[in-house]
Amino acid sequence: MANLSEEMKNMINEQLPFLATADENGVPKVGPKGSLQVMDDSHLLYYEHTFRHAYHNLKQNAYAAVAVADRSAQKGFRFEGKSHIHEGDSLAKKILPPKIFDRFPRAAVVVIDVEHIYQLDNNLDAGTRLA
């Protein structure tokens, strides 16, 4: 597992992260995940409540990538790893805010094991693997 730095954690908390997945045919899908947050030093999580593309893709292929960038600073990171879907289990019950069920009849927690981290800064080091 790779460890997130404080800079990475702050960027995830302050900017809008995007989740990338691929379907069973290898077709990529990417979308914003406003609920994406740091779980601990080597895991990210988000609330799954639409159960559409990302959910379908992660059920077929558990690997995901999360990209986050600070446009004004022209800095960013990509986190890659295997995901685990928790629906109705003790982890989901502990983490999901009860108010989510006011808007959505169903919700789950997706945990991503951060296995690799890449730099996305707008310079010649873009794409460099950090961990």
Protein backbone atom coordinates (compact mmCIF):
# COMPACT_ATOMS: atom_id res chain seq x y z
CA MET A 1 0.00 0.00 0.00
CA ALA A 2 1.07 3.56 -0.64
CA ASN A 3 0.77 6.33 1.95
CA LEU A 4 -0.87 9.68 1.30
CA SER A 5 1.01 12.80 2.35
CA GLU A 6 -0.66 15.71 4.12
CA GLU A 7 -0.50 17.66 0.84
CA MET A 8 -2.40 14.87 -0.92
CA LYS A 9 -5.00 14.63 1.83
CA ASN A 10 -5.54 18.39 1.79
CA MET A 11 -5.97 18.43 -1.98
CA ILE A 12 -8.58 15.66 -1.81
CA ASN A 13 -10.46 17.58 0.89
CA GLU A 14 -10.26 20.95 -0.91
CA GLN A 15 -10.68 20.05 -4.59
CA LEU A 16 -13.19 17.96 -6.55
CA PRO A 17 -11.80 14.45 -7.18
CA PHE A 18 -12.71 12.43 -10.28
CA LEU A 19 -13.11 8.65 -10.32
CA ALA A 20 -12.06 6.62 -13.36
CA THR A 21 -13.23 3.06 -13.99
CA ALA A 22 -13.48 0.77 -17.02
CA ASP A 23 -16.33 -1.46 -18.06
CA GLU A 24 -16.05 -5.11 -19.07
CA ASN A 25 -15.10 -4.05 -22.62
CA GLY A 26 -12.35 -1.75 -21.39
CA VAL A 27 -14.33 1.40 -22.16
CA PRO A 28 -13.31 4.08 -19.65
CA LYS A 29 -15.75 6.14 -17.63
CA VAL A 30 -14.80 9.13 -15.49
CA GLY A 31 -16.88 11.35 -13.25
CA PRO A 32 -16.71 13.64 -10.24
CA LYS A 33 -17.12 12.15 -6.77
CA GLY A 34 -18.09 14.89 -4.35
CA SER A 35 -18.24 12.48 -1.42
CA LEU A 36 -14.74 11.12 -2.02
CA GLN A 37 -12.60 11.50 1.08
CA VAL A 38 -9.56 10.16 2.88
CA MET A 39 -10.33 7.16 5.06
CA ASP A 40 -6.80 6.78 6.43
CA ASP A 41 -3.19 7.03 5.20
CA SER A 42 -3.64 4.37 2.50
CA HIS A 43 -7.37 4.28 1.69
CA LEU A 44 -9.88 6.55 -0.01
CA LEU A 45 -13.63 6.15 0.18
CA TYR A 46 -16.77 7.54 -1.37
CA TYR A 47 -20.51 7.09 -1.00
CA GLU A 48 -22.12 5.16 -3.85
CA HIS A 49 -25.78 6.06 -4.23
CA THR A 50 -26.57 6.14 -7.95
CA PHE A 51 -25.48 2.53 -8.61
CA ARG A 52 -24.84 3.27 -12.25
CA HIS A 53 -21.62 3.31 -14.29
CA ALA A 54 -18.98 3.39 -11.54
CA TYR A 55 -20.80 0.77 -9.47
CA HIS A 56 -21.34 -1.50 -12.47
CA ASN A 57 -17.73 -1.13 -13.58
CA LEU A 58 -16.29 -1.75 -10.11
CA LYS A 59 -18.39 -4.91 -9.80
CA GLN A 60 -16.83 -6.14 -13.08
CA ASN A 61 -13.31 -4.81 -12.50
CA ALA A 62 -12.42 -3.63 -9.01
CA TYR A 63 -9.54 -1.40 -10.10
CA ALA A 64 -10.08 2.35 -10.02
CA ALA A 65 -8.15 5.57 -10.35
CA VAL A 66 -8.85 8.87 -8.64
CA ALA A 67 -7.45 12.11 -10.02
CA VAL A 68 -7.47 15.39 -8.15
CA ALA A 69 -5.87 18.67 -9.19
CA ASP A 70 -5.55 22.23 -8.06
CA ARG A 71 -5.97 24.19 -11.27
CA SER A 72 -4.57 27.47 -9.95
CA ALA A 73 -1.45 25.77 -8.52
CA GLN A 74 -1.20 23.43 -11.54
CA LYS A 75 -0.51 20.52 -9.21
CA GLY A 76 -2.27 17.22 -8.80
CA PHE A 77 -2.17 13.52 -8.01
CA ARG A 78 -3.57 10.25 -9.34
CA PHE A 79 -4.28 7.40 -6.94
CA GLU A 80 -4.75 3.88 -8.26
CA GLY A 81 -5.84 0.70 -6.56
CA LYS A 82 -8.39 -2.00 -5.95
CA SER A 83 -11.83 -1.08 -4.64
CA HIS A 84 -14.13 -2.87 -2.19
CA ILE A 85 -17.88 -2.23 -2.09
CA HIS A 86 -19.56 -2.26 1.33
CA GLU A 87 -23.35 -2.25 1.35
CA GLY A 88 -25.36 -3.04 4.45
CA ASP A 89 -22.35 -4.34 6.38
CA SER A 90 -20.88 -2.96 9.61
CA LEU A 91 -18.44 -0.66 7.79
CA ALA A 92 -21.21 0.87 5.68
CA LYS A 93 -23.41 1.35 8.74
CA LYS A 94 -20.54 3.00 10.61
CA ILE A 95 -19.48 5.37 7.80
CA LEU A 96 -22.63 6.30 5.86
CA PRO A 97 -24.35 9.40 7.22
CA PRO A 98 -27.97 8.52 8.06
CA LYS A 99 -29.19 11.60 6.15
CA ILE A 100 -28.04 10.04 2.86
CA PHE A 101 -31.12 7.80 3.01
CA ASP A 102 -33.35 10.91 3.06
CA ARG A 103 -32.35 11.47 -0.59
CA PHE A 104 -31.47 7.97 -1.77
CA PRO A 105 -33.22 4.68 -1.04
CA ARG A 106 -29.93 2.78 -1.24
CA ALA A 107 -26.30 3.63 -0.47
CA ALA A 108 -22.95 1.90 -0.13
CA VAL A 109 -19.39 2.78 0.77
CA VAL A 110 -16.64 2.14 -1.75
CA VAL A 111 -13.16 1.84 -0.25
CA ILE A 112 -10.14 2.14 -2.54
CA ASP A 113 -6.81 0.64 -1.46
CA VAL A 114 -4.20 3.17 -2.62
CA GLU A 115 -1.57 1.00 -4.29
CA HIS A 116 0.12 3.57 -6.54
CA ILE A 117 0.36 7.37 -6.53
CA TYR A 118 1.41 9.51 -9.50
CA GLN A 119 2.28 13.18 -9.73
CA LEU A 120 0.09 15.25 -12.07
CA ASP A 121 1.90 18.58 -11.79
CA ASN A 122 2.10 20.70 -14.94
CA ASN A 123 5.83 20.19 -15.46
CA LEU A 124 8.28 17.64 -16.85
CA ASP A 125 7.68 15.39 -13.82
CA ALA A 126 4.02 14.83 -14.75
CA GLY A 127 3.21 11.13 -14.64
CA THR A 128 6.08 10.30 -12.28
CA ARG A 129 5.21 7.49 -9.89
CA LEU A 130 5.61 8.69 -6.29
CA ALA A 131 4.63 5.46 -4.54
